[in-house]
Amino acid sequence: MKHKRNWIIAIILSAAAGFVALQNVTAPTHDAATPDAVITITAETPLTGSQTITPTDEGCAYVWGYHDAPELTEKVDAAVRAMNEQASARASLFGEDCIFADGQSTFGAMETDFYVRLPVADLTAEAAFGDWMAQVLPIITQIPREQMQGNYGFVEFWFEKNDAEFIILRVPIQRYLDEGRDKTGPDLFHMFINPP
């Protein structure tokens, strides 16, 4: 009985010591608030919205964010619907929201992404899916670079039979430009349905 009690006491003491050590390791120190640790916004950081940001020493917290790109969406959606009136497309910006303590924020776009949806009757029509992709991708790659923010992102294709049956595949735009421009049909489809 004494032996069991000693083991229990040893376990409790070990856990308490570990907890105290962990608190000392992860607790913030006053040295972390030196000017070298402050994140600042530079002139190269694009601002979105109508807010005015004034220079500050408090810095901001970066959070991954997605923002709609309505002008690009309108342009790409119109082009996709001209090929198939049941299809739809939208553009989105991916990047970082820089959130200040007072609630104001700025957004820095890292890439422009596109989402293209096409209703289909048959999910085995890989040649048709590849041909559709071969028609849509040049529309996106011909958009002038100054109309996109950040780097090339991806085009995500949705082939939808219904809400429960669909195929989704992502085409990194730069990879398409480097390796896929000359492909169509099942070759293009398989290049991106089974990424390396």
Foldseek 3Di string as FASTA:
>chain_A
DVVVVVVVVVVVVVVVVVVVVVCVVPPDDPVCLDLVNADWDDPPADFDDDDDDDGDSRHFDKDKDKDFDVVVQVQLQVVLCVVPVQKGKGKMFIFIWTADPVGDTGTGGAEMEMEIEDEDQDPVQQQVVQQSCLVSLVSVVPPDPVSIHHYYAWYWYWYHPDPVDIQIWIGRNVCCVVPNNVDGGNVRSVCTSDDD
